[in-house]
Amino acid sequence: MARGRIQSVARPNSGNLIIQILIMDAEQKKQDLIDFLQTIQRPDYPNHGIDEESSLVESGLIDSLALLQIVTYLEQTCRIDFAERGIDPGDLRSIRSILDLIARESQT
């Protein structure tokens, strides 16, 4: 570059970049949660996946004791303090409800 010249550099809109990062972060959290659920799923559960809205216990993916493992996972990976906030079983009902909980707790 010649001396004294200013070269313009195209930069992405920072607002759009932040949104893209948040979307990628949310997708990563979803995938991490699904990967974790696969490690605690019942061995006799068909491995065809589960949609985000289905009840994890009622669908048979996990048993009720696995909910404690989910609580521990969320405490360790998302730093959610259930001792402080309490446990609402509805927050742990489905993949979607868990992701909503993570999003809410990330904002506080």
N, C-alpha and C. Protein backbone atom coordinates (compact mmCIF):
# COMPACT_ATOMS: atom_id res chain seq x y z
N MET A 1 0.85 -1.16 0.00
CA MET A 1 0.00 0.00 0.00
C MET A 1 0.90 1.23 0.00
N ALA A 2 0.54 2.19 -0.82
CA ALA A 2 1.33 3.41 -0.92
C ALA A 2 1.19 4.23 0.35
N ARG A 3 2.24 4.94 0.64
CA ARG A 3 2.27 5.77 1.83
C ARG A 3 1.25 6.90 1.73
N GLY A 4 0.54 7.16 2.83
CA GLY A 4 -0.40 8.25 2.87
C GLY A 4 -1.79 7.90 2.37
N ARG A 5 -1.96 6.75 1.76
CA ARG A 5 -3.29 6.34 1.29
C ARG A 5 -3.98 5.51 2.36
N ILE A 6 -5.25 5.72 2.43
CA ILE A 6 -6.05 4.93 3.37
C ILE A 6 -6.85 3.94 2.55
N GLN A 7 -6.70 2.70 2.90
CA GLN A 7 -7.42 1.65 2.18
C GLN A 7 -8.67 1.31 2.97
N SER A 8 -9.80 1.31 2.30
CA SER A 8 -11.04 0.96 3.00
C SER A 8 -11.14 -0.56 3.06
N VAL A 9 -11.62 -1.01 4.18
CA VAL A 9 -11.79 -2.44 4.39
C VAL A 9 -13.26 -2.67 4.70
N ALA A 10 -13.87 -3.56 3.95
CA ALA A 10 -15.29 -3.87 4.19
C ALA A 10 -15.38 -4.67 5.48
N ARG A 11 -16.22 -4.19 6.37
CA ARG A 11 -16.43 -4.89 7.63
C ARG A 11 -17.88 -5.26 7.75
N PRO A 12 -18.14 -6.45 8.25
CA PRO A 12 -19.54 -6.83 8.41
C PRO A 12 -20.19 -5.95 9.47
N ASN A 13 -21.48 -5.76 9.32
CA ASN A 13 -22.25 -5.02 10.30
C ASN A 13 -22.11 -5.71 11.64
N SER A 14 -21.66 -5.00 12.67
CA SER A 14 -21.39 -5.64 13.96
C SER A 14 -22.66 -6.20 14.58
N GLY A 15 -23.81 -5.57 14.32
CA GLY A 15 -25.07 -6.10 14.84
C GLY A 15 -25.38 -7.45 14.25
N ASN A 16 -25.19 -7.59 12.94
CA ASN A 16 -25.42 -8.88 12.28
C ASN A 16 -24.44 -9.93 12.77
N LEU A 17 -23.21 -9.52 13.00
CA LEU A 17 -22.19 -10.45 13.48
C LEU A 17 -22.57 -10.98 14.86
N ILE A 18 -23.05 -10.11 15.72
CA ILE A 18 -23.45 -10.53 17.06
C ILE A 18 -24.61 -11.52 16.97
N ILE A 19 -25.57 -11.24 16.12
CA ILE A 19 -26.71 -12.15 15.94
C ILE A 19 -26.23 -13.51 15.43
N GLN A 20 -25.30 -13.49 14.46
CA GLN A 20 -24.77 -14.75 13.94
C GLN A 20 -24.06 -15.55 15.03
N ILE A 21 -23.31 -14.86 15.87
CA ILE A 21 -22.60 -15.54 16.96
C ILE A 21 -23.60 -16.13 17.94
N LEU A 22 -24.65 -15.38 18.28
CA LEU A 22 -25.66 -15.89 19.21
C LEU A 22 -26.38 -17.10 18.64
N ILE A 23 -26.68 -17.07 17.34
CA ILE A 23 -27.35 -18.21 16.71
C ILE A 23 -26.43 -19.42 16.72
N MET A 24 -25.15 -19.22 16.39
CA MET A 24 -24.20 -20.33 16.41
C MET A 24 -24.07 -20.88 17.82
N ASP A 25 -24.03 -19.99 18.81
CA ASP A 25 -23.91 -20.41 20.20
C ASP A 25 -25.12 -21.22 20.62
N ALA A 26 -26.32 -20.78 20.24
CA ALA A 26 -27.54 -21.50 20.57
C ALA A 26 -27.56 -22.87 19.91
N GLU A 27 -27.15 -22.94 18.65
CA GLU A 27 -27.09 -24.22 17.95
C GLU A 27 -26.08 -25.16 18.60
N GLN A 28 -24.95 -24.61 19.04
CA GLN A 28 -23.93 -25.42 19.70
C GLN A 28 -24.46 -25.96 21.03
N LYS A 29 -25.16 -25.11 21.79
CA LYS A 29 -25.74 -25.55 23.06
C LYS A 29 -26.76 -26.65 22.83
N LYS A 30 -27.56 -26.50 21.78
CA LYS A 30 -28.55 -27.53 21.45
C LYS A 30 -27.84 -28.84 21.12
N GLN A 31 -26.82 -28.79 20.28
CA GLN A 31 -26.11 -30.02 19.91
C GLN A 31 -25.42 -30.64 21.13
N ASP A 32 -24.82 -29.82 21.97
CA ASP A 32 -24.17 -30.33 23.18
C ASP A 32 -25.19 -31.02 24.09
N LEU A 33 -26.37 -30.42 24.22
CA LEU A 33 -27.42 -31.02 25.04
C LEU A 33 -27.87 -32.36 24.46
N ILE A 34 -28.09 -32.40 23.17
CA ILE A 34 -28.49 -33.65 22.52
C ILE A 34 -27.41 -34.72 22.70
N ASP A 35 -26.16 -34.34 22.52
CA ASP A 35 -25.06 -35.29 22.72
C ASP A 35 -25.06 -35.83 24.14
N PHE A 36 -25.28 -34.94 25.12
CA PHE A 36 -25.32 -35.38 26.51
C PHE A 36 -26.51 -36.33 26.74
N LEU A 37 -27.68 -35.97 26.23
CA LEU A 37 -28.86 -36.82 26.42
C LEU A 37 -28.64 -38.21 25.84
N GLN A 38 -27.90 -38.30 24.76
CA GLN A 38 -27.61 -39.61 24.18
C GLN A 38 -26.74 -40.46 25.10
N THR A 39 -25.95 -39.82 25.95
CA THR A 39 -25.11 -40.59 26.87
C THR A 39 -25.91 -41.13 28.05
N ILE A 40 -27.07 -40.52 28.33
CA ILE A 40 -27.87 -40.97 29.48
C ILE A 40 -29.19 -41.61 29.06
N GLN A 41 -29.43 -41.72 27.76
CA GLN A 41 -30.70 -42.28 27.31
C GLN A 41 -30.80 -43.75 27.69
N ARG A 42 -32.01 -44.21 27.81
CA ARG A 42 -32.24 -45.62 28.13
C ARG A 42 -31.68 -46.49 27.02
N PRO A 43 -31.01 -47.57 27.37
CA PRO A 43 -30.37 -48.40 26.33
C PRO A 43 -31.37 -49.05 25.38
N ASP A 44 -32.61 -49.23 25.82
CA ASP A 44 -33.61 -49.86 24.96
C ASP A 44 -34.38 -48.86 24.11
N TYR A 45 -34.01 -47.57 24.19
CA TYR A 45 -34.71 -46.54 23.41
C TYR A 45 -34.21 -46.57 21.98
N PRO A 46 -35.13 -46.56 21.01
CA PRO A 46 -34.68 -46.55 19.60
C PRO A 46 -33.86 -45.30 19.31
N ASN A 47 -32.79 -45.46 18.61
CA ASN A 47 -31.86 -44.36 18.36
C ASN A 47 -32.25 -43.56 17.10
N HIS A 48 -33.50 -43.19 17.00
CA HIS A 48 -33.94 -42.40 15.85
C HIS A 48 -34.12 -40.93 16.20
N GLY A 49 -33.75 -40.56 17.39
CA GLY A 49 -33.83 -39.16 17.79
C GLY A 49 -35.17 -38.82 18.40
N ILE A 50 -35.25 -37.59 18.84
CA ILE A 50 -36.46 -37.09 19.46
C ILE A 50 -36.60 -35.62 19.09
N ASP A 51 -37.85 -35.20 18.91
CA ASP A 51 -38.02 -33.80 18.54
C ASP A 51 -37.90 -32.92 19.78
N GLU A 52 -37.75 -31.63 19.56
CA GLU A 52 -37.48 -30.70 20.64
C GLU A 52 -38.63 -30.55 21.63
N GLU A 53 -39.84 -30.83 21.21
CA GLU A 53 -41.01 -30.59 22.05
C GLU A 53 -41.45 -31.82 22.84
N SER A 54 -41.01 -33.00 22.47
CA SER A 54 -41.45 -34.23 23.14
C SER A 54 -40.93 -34.31 24.56
N SER A 55 -41.75 -34.84 25.44
CA SER A 55 -41.33 -35.05 26.82
C SER A 55 -40.23 -36.11 26.86
N LEU A 56 -39.14 -35.79 27.51
CA LEU A 56 -38.01 -36.73 27.57
C LEU A 56 -38.36 -37.98 28.34
N VAL A 57 -39.11 -37.83 29.43
CA VAL A 57 -39.47 -38.99 30.25
C VAL A 57 -40.64 -39.76 29.61
N GLU A 58 -41.70 -39.05 29.23
CA GLU A 58 -42.88 -39.71 28.66
C GLU A 58 -42.57 -40.41 27.35
N SER A 59 -41.60 -39.91 26.59
CA SER A 59 -41.23 -40.54 25.32
C SER A 59 -40.42 -41.82 25.55
N GLY A 60 -39.87 -41.96 26.78
CA GLY A 60 -39.05 -43.12 27.07
C GLY A 60 -37.57 -42.91 26.83
N LEU A 61 -37.18 -41.72 26.38
CA LEU A 61 -35.76 -41.46 26.13
C LEU A 61 -34.94 -41.61 27.40
N ILE A 62 -35.46 -41.05 28.50
CA ILE A 62 -34.76 -41.15 29.78
C ILE A 62 -35.75 -41.58 30.85
N ASP A 63 -35.23 -42.05 31.97
CA ASP A 63 -36.10 -42.32 33.11
C ASP A 63 -36.03 -41.13 34.06
N SER A 64 -36.88 -41.14 35.07
CA SER A 64 -36.97 -39.98 35.96
C SER A 64 -35.67 -39.73 36.71
N LEU A 65 -34.89 -40.75 36.99
CA LEU A 65 -33.62 -40.55 37.69
C LEU A 65 -32.61 -39.79 36.83
N ALA A 66 -32.74 -39.90 35.52
CA ALA A 66 -31.83 -39.19 34.63
C ALA A 66 -32.03 -37.67 34.72
N LEU A 67 -33.18 -37.24 35.24
CA LEU A 67 -33.40 -35.80 35.42
C LEU A 67 -32.35 -35.20 36.36
N LEU A 68 -31.92 -35.99 37.35
CA LEU A 68 -30.86 -35.51 38.25
C LEU A 68 -29.54 -35.34 37.50
N GLN A 69 -29.29 -36.22 36.55
CA GLN A 69 -28.09 -36.08 35.73
C GLN A 69 -28.16 -34.83 34.86
N ILE A 70 -29.36 -34.51 34.39
CA ILE A 70 -29.54 -33.30 33.59
C ILE A 70 -29.28 -32.07 34.45
N VAL A 71 -29.79 -32.08 35.68
CA VAL A 71 -29.55 -30.96 36.60
C VAL A 71 -28.05 -30.78 36.82
N THR A 72 -27.35 -31.87 37.07
CA THR A 72 -25.90 -31.79 37.29
C THR A 72 -25.20 -31.27 36.04
N TYR A 73 -25.60 -31.75 34.88
CA TYR A 73 -25.03 -31.28 33.62
C TYR A 73 -25.22 -29.77 33.47
N LEU A 74 -26.43 -29.29 33.74
CA LEU A 74 -26.71 -27.85 33.59
C LEU A 74 -25.95 -27.02 34.61
N GLU A 75 -25.80 -27.55 35.81
CA GLU A 75 -25.02 -26.83 36.83
C GLU A 75 -23.56 -26.71 36.41
N GLN A 76 -23.02 -27.78 35.85
CA GLN A 76 -21.60 -27.79 35.49
C GLN A 76 -21.30 -27.06 34.19
N THR A 77 -22.13 -27.23 33.18
CA THR A 77 -21.82 -26.66 31.87
C THR A 77 -22.40 -25.27 31.65
N CYS A 78 -23.52 -24.98 32.29
CA CYS A 78 -24.19 -23.69 32.07
C CYS A 78 -24.18 -22.82 33.32
N ARG A 79 -23.61 -23.34 34.37
CA ARG A 79 -23.50 -22.61 35.65
C ARG A 79 -24.86 -22.15 36.18
N ILE A 80 -25.87 -23.01 36.02
CA ILE A 80 -27.18 -22.72 36.58
C ILE A 80 -27.18 -23.21 38.01
N ASP A 81 -27.54 -22.34 38.93
CA ASP A 81 -27.52 -22.66 40.36
C ASP A 81 -28.92 -23.07 40.80
N PHE A 82 -29.18 -24.37 40.77
CA PHE A 82 -30.50 -24.87 41.14
C PHE A 82 -30.73 -24.75 42.65
N ALA A 83 -29.68 -24.73 43.44
CA ALA A 83 -29.84 -24.54 44.88
C ALA A 83 -30.44 -23.17 45.16
N GLU A 84 -30.07 -22.20 44.34
CA GLU A 84 -30.57 -20.84 44.50
C GLU A 84 -31.94 -20.64 43.86
N ARG A 85 -32.13 -21.16 42.66
CA ARG A 85 -33.35 -20.89 41.89
C ARG A 85 -34.42 -21.95 42.09
N GLY A 86 -34.05 -23.13 42.58
CA GLY A 86 -35.00 -24.22 42.70
C GLY A 86 -35.14 -24.97 41.39
N ILE A 87 -35.82 -26.10 41.44
CA ILE A 87 -36.00 -26.93 40.25
C ILE A 87 -37.48 -26.93 39.89
N ASP A 88 -37.77 -26.52 38.67
CA ASP A 88 -39.12 -26.59 38.13
C ASP A 88 -39.11 -27.73 37.12
N PRO A 89 -39.82 -28.83 37.40
CA PRO A 89 -39.81 -29.97 36.48
C PRO A 89 -40.20 -29.60 35.05
N GLY A 90 -41.03 -28.58 34.88
CA GLY A 90 -41.41 -28.14 33.55
C GLY A 90 -40.23 -27.63 32.74
N ASP A 91 -39.22 -27.09 33.43
CA ASP A 91 -38.02 -26.60 32.75
C ASP A 91 -37.18 -27.75 32.18
N LEU A 92 -37.43 -28.96 32.65
CA LEU A 92 -36.62 -30.12 32.24
C LEU A 92 -37.45 -31.11 31.42
N ARG A 93 -38.61 -30.69 30.98
CA ARG A 93 -39.55 -31.58 30.30
C ARG A 93 -39.06 -32.04 28.93
N SER A 94 -38.52 -31.10 28.16
CA SER A 94 -38.16 -31.40 26.77
C SER A 94 -36.85 -30.69 26.42
N ILE A 95 -36.33 -31.01 25.26
CA ILE A 95 -35.13 -30.33 24.79
C ILE A 95 -35.40 -28.84 24.69
N ARG A 96 -36.54 -28.46 24.13
CA ARG A 96 -36.89 -27.05 23.97
C ARG A 96 -36.98 -26.34 25.32
N SER A 97 -37.63 -26.98 26.31
CA SER A 97 -37.77 -26.32 27.61
C SER A 97 -36.42 -26.16 28.30
N ILE A 98 -35.52 -27.11 28.11
CA ILE A 98 -34.18 -27.00 28.70
C ILE A 98 -33.40 -25.88 28.01
N LEU A 99 -33.50 -25.79 26.68
CA LEU A 99 -32.82 -24.72 25.96
C LEU A 99 -33.37 -23.35 26.35
N ASP A 100 -34.68 -23.27 26.58
CA ASP A 100 -35.29 -22.02 27.04
C ASP A 100 -34.76 -21.65 28.42
N LEU A 101 -34.62 -22.64 29.30
CA LEU A 101 -34.06 -22.40 30.63
C LEU A 101 -32.64 -21.87 30.52
N ILE A 102 -31.83 -22.49 29.69
CA ILE A 102 -30.44 -22.06 29.50
C ILE A 102 -30.42 -20.61 29.01
N ALA A 103 -31.28 -20.28 28.05
CA ALA A 103 -31.32 -18.92 27.51
C ALA A 103 -31.73 -17.92 28.60
N ARG A 104 -32.74 -18.25 29.39
CA ARG A 104 -33.19 -17.35 30.45
C ARG A 104 -32.09 -17.13 31.50
N GLU A 105 -31.46 -18.20 31.90
CA GLU A 105 -30.43 -18.11 32.93
C GLU A 105 -29.17 -17.42 32.42
N SER A 106 -28.93 -17.49 31.12
CA SER A 106 -27.77 -16.82 30.53
C SER A 106 -27.94 -15.31 30.54
N GLN A 107 -29.18 -14.86 30.57
CA GLN A 107 -29.46 -13.42 30.53
C GLN A 107 -29.39 -12.78 31.90
N THR A 108 -29.42 -13.59 32.95
CA THR A 108 -29.42 -13.01 34.31
C THR A 108 -28.02 -12.81 34.81
